[in-house]
């Protein structure tokens, strides 16, 4: 009889955080006290970007993936202010509502500015970091990223430039750019991302966040100082073809966390889409080594 691999049981829930109805996915591991991995998603995606990783690792570890306000299935009230500080506020409240006190944090893209804000507020929460194309260094910004971050609301044509990235072509391009064989990427990710982007008010939320992104760059020095002070166990997995955050951003972490484990992959921004079989075992080994994170 063929032995089937263990597939995770997953719960899909909502929790209220200061008037925001936060949607999240949570795996239900077989053993009590399994290490916890908080999965912080990127733009323009949501917790669904981690669905395959949760399937693979969720039977052994407790994987928790929330959607930020303005993303996925999370519902924010009218008048919500979309900024990275507010995303971090809601994520902080989400963590507290679940009673989490110690976990490994996976930071990808927007997950880095959200996650590093959490780390600065609650260093005691962070048992370790998994960094996947989540930038915290000036050299990790491509020329295109620098030009985009420099956009301001008062600049003629700036909002139109942002909105071009919110089209199906722009969303698909974020998945396929830098990938050797785009046929290896399922279209489900960018199709679902675009569905959420096209919901009422979502493009306006993304425009506001785009114009707020410069506040992240301004905090890079503080985040680097946090890494030097706390030197958390760190696993870095990075797609070197990322059009926004090139390879130097991955290597820069080694200045502040010299014992970090670095793995580079010949792929684009959404590295899990093409290299899950290589990355998932690295994360599993890392979670085993960081110990009990309850």
C-alpha atoms as a PDB file:
ATOM      1  CA  UNK A   1       0.000   0.000   0.000  1.00  0.00           C
ATOM      2  CA  UNK A   2       1.379   3.429  -0.960  1.00  0.00           C
ATOM      3  CA  UNK A   3       2.052   5.758   1.971  1.00  0.00           C
ATOM      4  CA  UNK A   4       0.583   9.166   1.286  1.00  0.00           C
ATOM      5  CA  UNK A   5       2.435  12.292   2.455  1.00  0.00           C
ATOM      6  CA  UNK A   6       0.896  14.042   5.425  1.00  0.00           C
ATOM      7  CA  UNK A   7      -1.286  16.945   4.294  1.00  0.00           C
ATOM      8  CA  UNK A   8      -2.203  19.642   6.784  1.00  0.00           C
ATOM      9  CA  UNK A   9      -5.643  20.261   8.166  1.00  0.00           C
ATOM     10  CA  UNK A  10      -6.382  23.973   7.781  1.00  0.00           C
ATOM     11  CA  UNK A  11      -8.881  26.296   9.444  1.00  0.00           C
ATOM     12  CA  UNK A  12     -10.097  29.504   7.809  1.00  0.00           C
ATOM     13  CA  UNK A  13     -11.258  32.063  10.348  1.00  0.00           C
ATOM     14  CA  UNK A  14     -12.006  35.724  11.048  1.00  0.00           C
ATOM     15  CA  UNK A  15     -11.167  37.725  14.158  1.00  0.00           C
ATOM     16  CA  UNK A  16     -12.126  41.303  14.977  1.00  0.00           C
ATOM     17  CA  UNK A  17      -9.198  43.663  15.594  1.00  0.00           C
ATOM     18  CA  UNK A  18     -10.241  47.236  16.425  1.00  0.00           C
ATOM     19  CA  UNK A  19     -13.095  47.180  13.937  1.00  0.00           C
ATOM     20  CA  UNK A  20     -11.162  45.334  11.221  1.00  0.00           C
ATOM     21  CA  UNK A  21     -12.474  41.840  10.415  1.00  0.00           C
ATOM     22  CA  UNK A  22      -9.176  40.036   9.847  1.00  0.00           C
ATOM     23  CA  UNK A  23      -9.278  36.838   7.817  1.00  0.00           C
ATOM     24  CA  UNK A  24      -6.570  34.254   8.402  1.00  0.00           C
ATOM     25  CA  UNK A  25      -5.558  30.696   7.564  1.00  0.00           C
ATOM     26  CA  UNK A  26      -4.202  28.460  10.285  1.00  0.00           C
ATOM     27  CA  UNK A  27      -2.858  24.938  10.056  1.00  0.00           C
ATOM     28  CA  UNK A  28      -3.813  22.443  12.745  1.00  0.00           C
ATOM     29  CA  UNK A  29      -0.683  20.358  13.395  1.00  0.00           C
ATOM     30  CA  UNK A  30      -0.831  16.853  14.766  1.00  0.00           C
ATOM     31  CA  UNK A  31       1.092  17.608  17.958  1.00  0.00           C
ATOM     32  CA  UNK A  32       0.394  20.168  20.634  1.00  0.00           C
ATOM     33  CA  UNK A  33       3.045  22.817  21.114  1.00  0.00           C
ATOM     34  CA  UNK A  34       4.310  22.664  17.532  1.00  0.00           C
ATOM     35  CA  UNK A  35       6.543  25.592  16.505  1.00  0.00           C
ATOM     36  CA  UNK A  36       4.627  28.601  15.212  1.00  0.00           C
ATOM     37  CA  UNK A  37       5.405  30.343  11.910  1.00  0.00           C
ATOM     38  CA  UNK A  38       3.656  33.675  11.289  1.00  0.00           C
ATOM     39  CA  UNK A  39       3.420  34.203   7.528  1.00  0.00           C
ATOM     40  CA  UNK A  40       3.344  37.868   6.461  1.00  0.00           C
ATOM     41  CA  UNK A  41       2.354  38.204   2.824  1.00  0.00           C
ATOM     42  CA  UNK A  42       3.354  40.673   0.153  1.00  0.00           C
ATOM     43  CA  UNK A  43       1.840  42.939  -2.483  1.00  0.00           C
ATOM     44  CA  UNK A  44      -0.492  42.494  -4.274  1.00  0.00           C
ATOM     45  CA  UNK A  45      -1.263  39.129  -2.742  1.00  0.00           C
ATOM     46  CA  UNK A  46      -2.734  37.831   0.510  1.00  0.00           C
ATOM     47  CA  UNK A  47      -2.579  34.754   2.700  1.00  0.00           C
ATOM     48  CA  UNK A  48      -3.469  32.550  -0.275  1.00  0.00           C
ATOM     49  CA  UNK A  49       0.107  32.971  -1.537  1.00  0.00           C
ATOM     50  CA  UNK A  50       1.129  30.563   1.251  1.00  0.00           C
ATOM     51  CA  UNK A  51      -1.515  27.889   0.595  1.00  0.00           C
ATOM     52  CA  UNK A  52       0.937  25.343  -0.860  1.00  0.00           C
ATOM     53  CA  UNK A  53       3.504  25.943   1.889  1.00  0.00           C
ATOM     54  CA  UNK A  54       0.788  25.439   4.514  1.00  0.00           C
ATOM     55  CA  UNK A  55      -0.281  22.193   2.844  1.00  0.00           C
ATOM     56  CA  UNK A  56       3.296  20.889   2.936  1.00  0.00           C
ATOM     57  CA  UNK A  57       4.401  22.008   6.415  1.00  0.00           C
ATOM     58  CA  UNK A  58       1.174  22.546   8.310  1.00  0.00           C
ATOM     59  CA  UNK A  59       0.869  18.986   9.639  1.00  0.00           C
ATOM     60  CA  UNK A  60       4.148  19.419  11.557  1.00  0.00           C
ATOM     61  CA  UNK A  61       4.073  23.113  12.429  1.00  0.00           C
ATOM     62  CA  UNK A  62       1.449  25.726  13.259  1.00  0.00           C
ATOM     63  CA  UNK A  63       1.430  28.083  10.281  1.00  0.00           C
ATOM     64  CA  UNK A  64      -0.685  31.233  10.613  1.00  0.00           C
ATOM     65  CA  UNK A  65      -1.267  33.600   7.686  1.00  0.00           C
ATOM     66  CA  UNK A  66      -3.446  36.728   8.073  1.00  0.00           C
ATOM     67  CA  UNK A  67      -4.651  39.068   5.332  1.00  0.00           C
ATOM     68  CA  UNK A  68      -3.819  42.745   5.943  1.00  0.00           C
ATOM     69  CA  UNK A  69      -6.494  45.445   5.660  1.00  0.00           C
ATOM     70  CA  UNK A  70      -6.930  46.199   1.959  1.00  0.00           C
ATOM     71  CA  UNK A  71      -5.941  42.655   0.956  1.00  0.00           C
ATOM     72  CA  UNK A  72      -7.610  39.297   0.515  1.00  0.00           C
ATOM     73  CA  UNK A  73     -10.683  38.512   2.599  1.00  0.00           C
ATOM     74  CA  UNK A  74      -9.999  41.002   5.412  1.00  0.00           C
ATOM     75  CA  UNK A  75     -12.693  43.668   5.740  1.00  0.00           C
ATOM     76  CA  UNK A  76     -11.721  47.160   6.891  1.00  0.00           C
ATOM     77  CA  UNK A  77     -14.276  49.842   7.825  1.00  0.00           C
ATOM     78  CA  UNK A  78     -14.919  52.918   5.711  1.00  0.00           C
ATOM     79  CA  UNK A  79     -12.409  55.610   6.523  1.00  0.00           C
ATOM     80  CA  UNK A  80      -9.615  53.223   7.448  1.00  0.00           C
ATOM     81  CA  UNK A  81      -6.223  54.917   6.962  1.00  0.00           C
ATOM     82  CA  UNK A  82      -3.975  52.785   4.781  1.00  0.00           C
ATOM     83  CA  UNK A  83      -0.377  53.155   5.889  1.00  0.00           C
ATOM     84  CA  UNK A  84       2.313  50.693   6.906  1.00  0.00           C
ATOM     85  CA  UNK A  85       2.024  51.823  10.503  1.00  0.00           C
ATOM     86  CA  UNK A  86      -1.681  50.949  10.451  1.00  0.00           C
ATOM     87  CA  UNK A  87      -1.043  47.569   8.819  1.00  0.00           C
ATOM     88  CA  UNK A  88       1.409  46.864  11.626  1.00  0.00           C
ATOM     89  CA  UNK A  89      -1.106  48.059  14.233  1.00  0.00           C
ATOM     90  CA  UNK A  90      -3.724  45.618  12.979  1.00  0.00           C
ATOM     91  CA  UNK A  91      -1.218  42.771  12.670  1.00  0.00           C
ATOM     92  CA  UNK A  92      -0.007  43.457  16.203  1.00  0.00           C
ATOM     93  CA  UNK A  93      -3.588  43.300  17.456  1.00  0.00           C
ATOM     94  CA  UNK A  94      -4.135  40.114  15.482  1.00  0.00           C
ATOM     95  CA  UNK A  95      -1.140  38.433  17.123  1.00  0.00           C
ATOM     96  CA  UNK A  96      -2.359  39.511  20.550  1.00  0.00           C
ATOM     97  CA  UNK A  97      -5.910  38.309  19.861  1.00  0.00           C
ATOM     98  CA  UNK A  98      -4.553  34.829  19.095  1.00  0.00           C
ATOM     99  CA  UNK A  99      -2.470  34.846  22.280  1.00  0.00           C
ATOM    100  CA  UNK A 100       0.813  34.308  20.446  1.00  0.00           C
ATOM    101  CA  UNK A 101       3.871  35.167  22.516  1.00  0.00           C
ATOM    102  CA  UNK A 102       6.764  33.540  20.642  1.00  0.00           C
ATOM    103  CA  UNK A 103       7.060  32.594  16.987  1.00  0.00           C
ATOM    104  CA  UNK A 104       9.234  32.544  13.901  1.00  0.00           C
ATOM    105  CA  UNK A 105       8.252  35.292  11.472  1.00  0.00           C
ATOM    106  CA  UNK A 106       8.255  34.854   7.678  1.00  0.00           C
ATOM    107  CA  UNK A 107       8.635  38.250   6.004  1.00  0.00           C
ATOM    108  CA  UNK A 108       8.069  38.653   2.268  1.00  0.00           C
ATOM    109  CA  UNK A 109       7.818  41.956   0.366  1.00  0.00           C
ATOM    110  CA  UNK A 110       5.273  44.094   2.325  1.00  0.00           C
ATOM    111  CA  UNK A 111       5.701  41.551   5.120  1.00  0.00           C
ATOM    112  CA  UNK A 112       9.152  42.983   5.859  1.00  0.00           C
ATOM    113  CA  UNK A 113       7.997  46.514   6.788  1.00  0.00           C
ATOM    114  CA  UNK A 114       5.062  45.074   8.702  1.00  0.00           C
ATOM    115  CA  UNK A 115       7.206  42.448  10.410  1.00  0.00           C
ATOM    116  CA  UNK A 116      10.075  44.731  11.351  1.00  0.00           C
ATOM    117  CA  UNK A 117       7.633  47.164  12.908  1.00  0.00           C
ATOM    118  CA  UNK A 118       6.305  44.286  15.017  1.00  0.00           C
ATOM    119  CA  UNK A 119       9.845  43.214  15.907  1.00  0.00           C
ATOM    120  CA  UNK A 120      10.723  46.706  17.071  1.00  0.00           C
ATOM    121  CA  UNK A 121       7.652  46.876  19.275  1.00  0.00           C
ATOM    122  CA  UNK A 122       7.913  43.304  20.618  1.00  0.00           C
ATOM    123  CA  UNK A 123      11.393  41.829  20.232  1.00  0.00           C
ATOM    124  CA  UNK A 124      10.417  39.136  22.736  1.00  0.00           C
ATOM    125  CA  UNK A 125       7.959  37.719  20.202  1.00  0.00           C
ATOM    126  CA  UNK A 126      10.555  36.911  17.554  1.00  0.00           C
ATOM    127  CA  UNK A 127      12.195  33.494  17.880  1.00  0.00           C
ATOM    128  CA  UNK A 128      13.635  33.727  14.381  1.00  0.00           C
ATOM    129  CA  UNK A 129      13.226  35.208  10.920  1.00  0.00           C
ATOM    130  CA  UNK A 130      12.603  33.647   7.539  1.00  0.00           C
ATOM    131  CA  UNK A 131      13.313  36.380   4.993  1.00  0.00           C
ATOM    132  CA  UNK A 132      12.126  35.791   1.429  1.00  0.00           C
ATOM    133  CA  UNK A 133      12.602  38.801  -0.842  1.00  0.00           C
ATOM    134  CA  UNK A 134      11.746  41.065   2.055  1.00  0.00           C
ATOM    135  CA  UNK A 135      13.994  44.088   1.809  1.00  0.00           C
ATOM    136  CA  UNK A 136      15.547  46.194   4.591  1.00  0.00           C
ATOM    137  CA  UNK A 137      18.560  47.707   2.804  1.00  0.00           C
ATOM    138  CA  UNK A 138      19.187  50.521   0.325  1.00  0.00           C
ATOM    139  CA  UNK A 139      21.213  48.217  -1.929  1.00  0.00           C
ATOM    140  CA  UNK A 140      18.215  45.902  -2.079  1.00  0.00           C
ATOM    141  CA  UNK A 141      16.247  48.430  -4.121  1.00  0.00           C
ATOM    142  CA  UNK A 142      16.376  48.262  -7.915  1.00  0.00           C
ATOM    143  CA  UNK A 143      16.420  51.474  -9.933  1.00  0.00           C
ATOM    144  CA  UNK A 144      12.793  50.865 -10.820  1.00  0.00           C
ATOM    145  CA  UNK A 145      11.878  50.418  -7.167  1.00  0.00           C
ATOM    146  CA  UNK A 146      13.673  53.651  -6.252  1.00  0.00           C
ATOM    147  CA  UNK A 147      11.786  55.564  -8.939  1.00  0.00           C
ATOM    148  CA  UNK A 148       8.497  54.099  -7.754  1.00  0.00           C
ATOM    149  CA  UNK A 149       9.160  54.885  -4.089  1.00  0.00           C
ATOM    150  CA  UNK A 150      10.036  58.474  -5.020  1.00  0.00           C
ATOM    151  CA  UNK A 151       6.519  59.069  -6.377  1.00  0.00           C
ATOM    152  CA  UNK A 152       4.430  61.518  -4.365  1.00  0.00           C
ATOM    153  CA  UNK A 153       0.719  62.329  -4.614  1.00  0.00           C
ATOM    154  CA  UNK A 154       1.426  65.855  -5.816  1.00  0.00           C
ATOM    155  CA  UNK A 155       3.702  64.667  -8.648  1.00  0.00           C
ATOM    156  CA  UNK A 156       1.912  64.937 -12.016  1.00  0.00           C
ATOM    157  CA  UNK A 157       1.024  61.473 -13.295  1.00  0.00           C
ATOM    158  CA  UNK A 158       2.144  59.711 -10.100  1.00  0.00           C
ATOM    159  CA  UNK A 159      -1.196  58.113  -9.288  1.00  0.00           C
ATOM    160  CA  UNK A 160      -1.588  56.890 -12.869  1.00  0.00           C
ATOM    161  CA  UNK A 161       1.854  55.283 -12.622  1.00  0.00           C
ATOM    162  CA  UNK A 162       0.817  53.428  -9.467  1.00  0.00           C
ATOM    163  CA  UNK A 163      -2.478  52.338 -10.972  1.00  0.00           C
ATOM    164  CA  UNK A 164      -0.724  50.773 -13.967  1.00  0.00           C
ATOM    165  CA  UNK A 165       0.814  48.280 -11.529  1.00  0.00           C
ATOM    166  CA  UNK A 166      -2.675  47.352 -10.319  1.00  0.00           C
ATOM    167  CA  UNK A 167      -3.846  45.981 -13.666  1.00  0.00           C
ATOM    168  CA  UNK A 168      -3.916  42.307 -14.626  1.00  0.00           C
ATOM    169  CA  UNK A 169      -0.838  42.856 -16.778  1.00  0.00           C
ATOM    170  CA  UNK A 170       1.004  44.478 -13.881  1.00  0.00           C
ATOM    171  CA  UNK A 171      -0.032  41.785 -11.420  1.00  0.00           C
ATOM    172  CA  UNK A 172       0.926  38.932 -13.729  1.00  0.00           C
ATOM    173  CA  UNK A 173       4.242  40.602 -14.460  1.00  0.00           C
ATOM    174  CA  UNK A 174       5.162  40.541 -10.779  1.00  0.00           C
ATOM    175  CA  UNK A 175       4.875  36.760 -10.831  1.00  0.00           C
ATOM    176  CA  UNK A 176       6.606  36.093 -14.142  1.00  0.00           C
ATOM    177  CA  UNK A 177       9.437  38.634 -14.313  1.00  0.00           C
ATOM    178  CA  UNK A 178      12.770  36.986 -13.570  1.00  0.00           C
ATOM    179  CA  UNK A 179      11.397  33.453 -13.941  1.00  0.00           C
ATOM    180  CA  UNK A 180      13.169  31.252 -16.479  1.00  0.00           C
ATOM    181  CA  UNK A 181      10.058  29.314 -17.501  1.00  0.00           C
ATOM    182  CA  UNK A 182       6.818  31.197 -16.707  1.00  0.00           C
ATOM    183  CA  UNK A 183       4.851  28.047 -17.603  1.00  0.00           C
ATOM    184  CA  UNK A 184       5.921  26.615 -14.220  1.00  0.00           C
ATOM    185  CA  UNK A 185       3.799  29.234 -12.439  1.00  0.00           C
ATOM    186  CA  UNK A 186       0.106  28.468 -12.027  1.00  0.00           C
ATOM    187  CA  UNK A 187      -2.113  31.403 -13.066  1.00  0.00           C
ATOM    188  CA  UNK A 188      -4.251  31.057  -9.945  1.00  0.00           C
ATOM    189  CA  UNK A 189      -2.121  33.431  -7.857  1.00  0.00           C
ATOM    190  CA  UNK A 190      -2.228  36.503 -10.049  1.00  0.00           C
ATOM    191  CA  UNK A 191      -5.839  35.817 -11.069  1.00  0.00           C
ATOM    192  CA  UNK A 192      -6.980  35.762  -7.435  1.00  0.00           C
ATOM    193  CA  UNK A 193      -4.811  38.775  -6.607  1.00  0.00           C
ATOM    194  CA  UNK A 194      -6.482  40.731  -9.392  1.00  0.00           C
ATOM    195  CA  UNK A 195      -9.928  39.707  -8.183  1.00  0.00           C
ATOM    196  CA  UNK A 196      -9.202  41.298  -4.819  1.00  0.00           C
ATOM    197  CA  UNK A 197      -7.548  44.353  -6.385  1.00  0.00           C
ATOM    198  CA  UNK A 198     -10.696  44.969  -8.420  1.00  0.00           C
ATOM    199  CA  UNK A 199     -12.993  45.024  -5.377  1.00  0.00           C
ATOM    200  CA  UNK A 200     -14.425  48.452  -4.429  1.00  0.00           C
ATOM    201  CA  UNK A 201     -11.901  50.636  -2.645  1.00  0.00           C
ATOM    202  CA  UNK A 202      -8.976  48.243  -2.997  1.00  0.00           C
ATOM    203  CA  UNK A 203      -7.067  50.187  -5.651  1.00  0.00           C
ATOM    204  CA  UNK A 204      -7.378  53.343  -3.556  1.00  0.00           C
ATOM    205  CA  UNK A 205      -5.935  51.451  -0.601  1.00  0.00           C
ATOM    206  CA  UNK A 206      -2.972  50.309  -2.696  1.00  0.00           C
ATOM    207  CA  UNK A 207      -2.339  53.807  -4.024  1.00  0.00           C
ATOM    208  CA  UNK A 208      -2.209  55.103  -0.436  1.00  0.00           C
ATOM    209  CA  UNK A 209       0.256  52.374   0.551  1.00  0.00           C
ATOM    210  CA  UNK A 210       2.418  53.049  -2.501  1.00  0.00           C
ATOM    211  CA  UNK A 211       2.740  56.696  -1.509  1.00  0.00           C
ATOM    212  CA  UNK A 212       3.549  55.646   2.070  1.00  0.00           C
ATOM    213  CA  UNK A 213       6.292  53.188   1.085  1.00  0.00           C
ATOM    214  CA  UNK A 214       9.033  55.802   1.557  1.00  0.00           C
ATOM    215  CA  UNK A 215       8.431  55.554   5.329  1.00  0.00           C
ATOM    216  CA  UNK A 216       9.853  52.032   5.178  1.00  0.00           C
ATOM    217  CA  UNK A 217      13.079  53.107   3.513  1.00  0.00           C
ATOM    218  CA  UNK A 218      13.440  55.825   6.131  1.00  0.00           C
ATOM    219  CA  UNK A 219      13.386  53.108   8.832  1.00  0.00           C
ATOM    220  CA  UNK A 220      15.968  50.810   7.277  1.00  0.00           C
ATOM    221  CA  UNK A 221      18.679  52.048   9.625  1.00  0.00           C
ATOM    222  CA  UNK A 222      16.543  51.338  12.702  1.00  0.00           C
ATOM    223  CA  UNK A 223      15.676  47.841  11.455  1.00  0.00           C
ATOM    224  CA  UNK A 224      19.324  47.077  10.758  1.00  0.00           C
ATOM    225  CA  UNK A 225      20.207  48.259  14.271  1.00  0.00           C
ATOM    226  CA  UNK A 226      17.512  45.928  15.639  1.00  0.00           C
ATOM    227  CA  UNK A 227      19.064  43.001  13.760  1.00  0.00           C
ATOM    228  CA  UNK A 228      22.534  43.812  15.128  1.00  0.00           C
ATOM    229  CA  UNK A 229      21.223  44.112  18.675  1.00  0.00           C
ATOM    230  CA  UNK A 230      19.047  41.009  18.760  1.00  0.00           C
ATOM    231  CA  UNK A 231      20.801  38.809  16.129  1.00  0.00           C
ATOM    232  CA  UNK A 232      17.785  36.517  15.668  1.00  0.00           C
ATOM    233  CA  UNK A 233      18.311  33.139  14.011  1.00  0.00           C
ATOM    234  CA  UNK A 234      17.737  33.992  10.354  1.00  0.00           C
ATOM    235  CA  UNK A 235      17.073  32.002   7.197  1.00  0.00           C
ATOM    236  CA  UNK A 236      17.244  33.967   3.937  1.00  0.00           C
ATOM    237  CA  UNK A 237      15.732  32.527   0.739  1.00  0.00           C
ATOM    238  CA  UNK A 238      15.790  34.908  -2.223  1.00  0.00           C
ATOM    239  CA  UNK A 239      14.768  34.920  -5.867  1.00  0.00           C
ATOM    240  CA  UNK A 240      17.648  36.641  -7.650  1.00  0.00           C
ATOM    241  CA  UNK A 241      15.532  37.708 -10.637  1.00  0.00           C
ATOM    242  CA  UNK A 242      13.296  39.921  -8.493  1.00  0.00           C
ATOM    243  CA  UNK A 243      12.733  43.179 -10.450  1.00  0.00           C
ATOM    244  CA  UNK A 244      12.131  45.157  -7.248  1.00  0.00           C
ATOM    245  CA  UNK A 245      14.512  43.677  -4.670  1.00  0.00           C
ATOM    246  CA  UNK A 246      17.682  42.346  -6.334  1.00  0.00           C
ATOM    247  CA  UNK A 247      20.240  39.958  -4.861  1.00  0.00           C
ATOM    248  CA  UNK A 248      22.375  42.574  -3.021  1.00  0.00           C
ATOM    249  CA  UNK A 249      19.450  43.050  -0.637  1.00  0.00           C
ATOM    250  CA  UNK A 250      19.726  39.425   0.410  1.00  0.00           C
ATOM    251  CA  UNK A 251      23.480  39.549   0.967  1.00  0.00           C
ATOM    252  CA  UNK A 252      23.205  42.804   2.924  1.00  0.00           C
ATOM    253  CA  UNK A 253      21.559  40.976   5.831  1.00  0.00           C
ATOM    254  CA  UNK A 254      24.844  39.183   6.471  1.00  0.00           C
ATOM    255  CA  UNK A 255      26.412  42.459   7.623  1.00  0.00           C
ATOM    256  CA  UNK A 256      24.055  42.652  10.582  1.00  0.00           C
ATOM    257  CA  UNK A 257      23.279  38.951  11.112  1.00  0.00           C
ATOM    258  CA  UNK A 258      26.549  37.277  10.037  1.00  0.00           C
ATOM    259  CA  UNK A 259      25.366  33.816  11.104  1.00  0.00           C
ATOM    260  CA  UNK A 260      22.297  33.989   8.870  1.00  0.00           C
ATOM    261  CA  UNK A 261      21.790  31.133   6.429  1.00  0.00           C
ATOM    262  CA  UNK A 262      21.558  32.401   2.828  1.00  0.00           C
ATOM    263  CA  UNK A 263      20.055  30.498  -0.113  1.00  0.00           C
ATOM    264  CA  UNK A 264      19.722  32.119  -3.548  1.00  0.00           C
ATOM    265  CA  UNK A 265      17.385  30.807  -6.250  1.00  0.00           C
ATOM    266  CA  UNK A 266      17.252  31.523  -9.961  1.00  0.00           C
ATOM    267  CA  UNK A 267      13.690  32.802  -9.978  1.00  0.00           C
ATOM    268  CA  UNK A 268      11.644  35.951  -9.475  1.00  0.00           C
ATOM    269  CA  UNK A 269       9.810  37.788  -6.713  1.00  0.00           C
ATOM    270  CA  UNK A 270       7.373  35.007  -5.747  1.00  0.00           C
ATOM    271  CA  UNK A 271      10.022  32.351  -5.161  1.00  0.00           C
ATOM    272  CA  UNK A 272       7.634  29.888  -3.515  1.00  0.00           C
ATOM    273  CA  UNK A 273       5.722  29.616  -6.781  1.00  0.00           C
ATOM    274  CA  UNK A 274       8.665  27.943  -8.519  1.00  0.00           C
ATOM    275  CA  UNK A 275      10.918  26.636  -5.737  1.00  0.00           C
ATOM    276  CA  UNK A 276       8.623  25.309  -3.022  1.00  0.00           C
ATOM    277  CA  UNK A 277      10.272  21.836  -3.120  1.00  0.00           C
ATOM    278  CA  UNK A 278      13.648  23.432  -2.335  1.00  0.00           C
ATOM    279  CA  UNK A 279      12.489  26.111   0.124  1.00  0.00           C
ATOM    280  CA  UNK A 280      10.009  24.144   2.242  1.00  0.00           C
ATOM    281  CA  UNK A 281      12.635  21.694   3.618  1.00  0.00           C
ATOM    282  CA  UNK A 282      14.883  24.631   4.521  1.00  0.00           C
ATOM    283  CA  UNK A 283      12.057  26.194   6.523  1.00  0.00           C
ATOM    284  CA  UNK A 284      11.239  22.889   8.216  1.00  0.00           C
ATOM    285  CA  UNK A 285      14.848  22.394   9.262  1.00  0.00           C
ATOM    286  CA  UNK A 286      15.011  25.984  10.497  1.00  0.00           C
ATOM    287  CA  UNK A 287      11.848  25.579  12.582  1.00  0.00           C
ATOM    288  CA  UNK A 288      13.219  22.380  14.094  1.00  0.00           C
ATOM    289  CA  UNK A 289      16.443  24.148  15.062  1.00  0.00           C
ATOM    290  CA  UNK A 290      14.781  27.226  16.556  1.00  0.00           C
ATOM    291  CA  UNK A 291      12.974  24.969  19.012  1.00  0.00           C
ATOM    292  CA  UNK A 292       9.674  25.437  20.797  1.00  0.00           C
ATOM    293  CA  UNK A 293       8.245  28.829  19.801  1.00  0.00           C
ATOM    294  CA  UNK A 294       4.976  28.837  21.720  1.00  0.00           C
END
